[in-house]
Amino acid sequence: MEKGTPVALHSVPQQPGHYRFRKYALMPWLSVDVFKDSAEHPNALRLRCAGLTFAVGPWFDNGKWEGPLTR
């Protein structure tokens, strides 16, 4: 996958980057940053949206993802 080419994903991204997420078809797209949790847990991902940080969990599994996007 080329960097900057948006790709529709059906599950939480497995690599850090900037993505768009939409839970339901009628909701607006949310701009989301996915990043690694910490050096102690390199495989755990967290996401930041609207100034809030969330652990990647089941709420984000269902929905449409688009990215990684370039800024």
C-alpha atoms as a PDB file:
ATOM      1  CA  MET A   1       0.000   0.000   0.000  1.00  0.00           C
ATOM      2  CA  GLU A   2       1.406   3.378  -0.988  1.00  0.00           C
ATOM      3  CA  LYS A   3       1.685   5.991   1.695  1.00  0.00           C
ATOM      4  CA  GLY A   4      -1.042   8.589   1.387  1.00  0.00           C
ATOM      5  CA  THR A   5      -3.389   6.435  -0.666  1.00  0.00           C
ATOM      6  CA  PRO A   6      -6.699   6.179   1.239  1.00  0.00           C
ATOM      7  CA  VAL A   7      -7.938   2.628   1.579  1.00  0.00           C
ATOM      8  CA  ALA A   8     -11.298   1.549   2.975  1.00  0.00           C
ATOM      9  CA  LEU A   9     -10.765  -0.731   5.977  1.00  0.00           C
ATOM     10  CA  HIS A  10     -13.307  -2.886   7.775  1.00  0.00           C
ATOM     11  CA  SER A  11     -11.494  -3.179  11.110  1.00  0.00           C
ATOM     12  CA  VAL A  12      -9.206  -1.093  13.299  1.00  0.00           C
ATOM     13  CA  PRO A  13      -5.938  -0.225  11.513  1.00  0.00           C
ATOM     14  CA  GLN A  14      -2.886  -2.201  12.569  1.00  0.00           C
ATOM     15  CA  GLN A  15      -0.338   0.558  11.950  1.00  0.00           C
ATOM     16  CA  PRO A  16      -0.018   4.100  13.319  1.00  0.00           C
ATOM     17  CA  GLY A  17      -1.168   6.990  11.162  1.00  0.00           C
ATOM     18  CA  HIS A  18      -3.933   9.466  10.437  1.00  0.00           C
ATOM     19  CA  TYR A  19      -7.314   7.916   9.528  1.00  0.00           C
ATOM     20  CA  ARG A  20     -10.986   8.757   9.131  1.00  0.00           C
ATOM     21  CA  PHE A  21     -13.619   6.738  10.992  1.00  0.00           C
ATOM     22  CA  ARG A  22     -17.388   6.538  10.706  1.00  0.00           C
ATOM     23  CA  LYS A  23     -19.424   4.263  13.005  1.00  0.00           C
ATOM     24  CA  TYR A  24     -22.674   4.391  11.009  1.00  0.00           C
ATOM     25  CA  ALA A  25     -23.488   5.466   7.462  1.00  0.00           C
ATOM     26  CA  LEU A  26     -25.390   8.607   8.533  1.00  0.00           C
ATOM     27  CA  MET A  27     -22.718   9.854  10.953  1.00  0.00           C
ATOM     28  CA  PRO A  28     -20.022  12.298   9.796  1.00  0.00           C
ATOM     29  CA  TRP A  29     -16.433  11.155   9.297  1.00  0.00           C
ATOM     30  CA  LEU A  30     -14.185  11.660  12.335  1.00  0.00           C
ATOM     31  CA  SER A  31     -10.521  12.509  11.986  1.00  0.00           C
ATOM     32  CA  VAL A  32      -8.559   9.994  14.084  1.00  0.00           C
ATOM     33  CA  ASP A  33      -4.858   9.588  14.906  1.00  0.00           C
ATOM     34  CA  VAL A  34      -3.776   6.016  15.662  1.00  0.00           C
ATOM     35  CA  PHE A  35      -0.520   5.613  17.608  1.00  0.00           C
ATOM     36  CA  LYS A  36       1.402   3.061  19.649  1.00  0.00           C
ATOM     37  CA  ASP A  37       0.494   2.979  23.333  1.00  0.00           C
ATOM     38  CA  SER A  38       4.026   3.041  24.734  1.00  0.00           C
ATOM     39  CA  ALA A  39       7.497   1.570  24.407  1.00  0.00           C
ATOM     40  CA  GLU A  40       6.554  -1.043  27.021  1.00  0.00           C
ATOM     41  CA  HIS A  41       3.561  -2.203  24.936  1.00  0.00           C
ATOM     42  CA  PRO A  42       4.641  -1.773  21.280  1.00  0.00           C
ATOM     43  CA  ASN A  43       1.756  -3.860  19.891  1.00  0.00           C
ATOM     44  CA  ALA A  44      -1.003  -1.982  21.739  1.00  0.00           C
ATOM     45  CA  LEU A  45      -2.614   0.856  19.802  1.00  0.00           C
ATOM     46  CA  ARG A  46      -4.514   3.900  21.038  1.00  0.00           C
ATOM     47  CA  LEU A  47      -6.409   6.504  19.096  1.00  0.00           C
ATOM     48  CA  ARG A  48      -6.968  10.200  19.550  1.00  0.00           C
ATOM     49  CA  CYS A  49     -10.109  11.939  18.352  1.00  0.00           C
ATOM     50  CA  ALA A  50     -11.353  15.445  19.209  1.00  0.00           C
ATOM     51  CA  GLY A  51      -8.705  15.828  21.899  1.00  0.00           C
ATOM     52  CA  LEU A  52      -9.656  12.589  23.668  1.00  0.00           C
ATOM     53  CA  THR A  53      -7.545   9.427  23.788  1.00  0.00           C
ATOM     54  CA  PHE A  54      -9.167   5.996  23.679  1.00  0.00           C
ATOM     55  CA  ALA A  55      -7.891   2.455  23.931  1.00  0.00           C
ATOM     56  CA  VAL A  56      -8.698   0.576  20.759  1.00  0.00           C
ATOM     57  CA  GLY A  57     -11.630  -1.603  21.745  1.00  0.00           C
ATOM     58  CA  PRO A  58     -14.722  -3.302  20.409  1.00  0.00           C
ATOM     59  CA  TRP A  59     -16.571  -0.008  19.839  1.00  0.00           C
ATOM     60  CA  PHE A  60     -14.161   0.809  17.005  1.00  0.00           C
ATOM     61  CA  ASP A  61     -14.250  -2.645  15.382  1.00  0.00           C
ATOM     62  CA  ASN A  62     -17.562  -2.062  13.627  1.00  0.00           C
ATOM     63  CA  GLY A  63     -17.560   0.882  11.289  1.00  0.00           C
ATOM     64  CA  LYS A  64     -15.725   2.162   8.256  1.00  0.00           C
ATOM     65  CA  TRP A  65     -12.106   3.246   8.344  1.00  0.00           C
ATOM     66  CA  GLU A  66     -10.331   5.157   5.618  1.00  0.00           C
ATOM     67  CA  GLY A  67      -6.603   5.721   5.451  1.00  0.00           C
ATOM     68  CA  PRO A  68      -3.790   6.168   6.134  1.00  0.00           C
ATOM     69  CA  LEU A  69      -4.163   9.759   4.993  1.00  0.00           C
ATOM     70  CA  THR A  70      -1.516  12.389   4.485  1.00  0.00           C
ATOM     71  CA  ARG A  71      -1.812  15.677   6.299  1.00  0.00           C
END
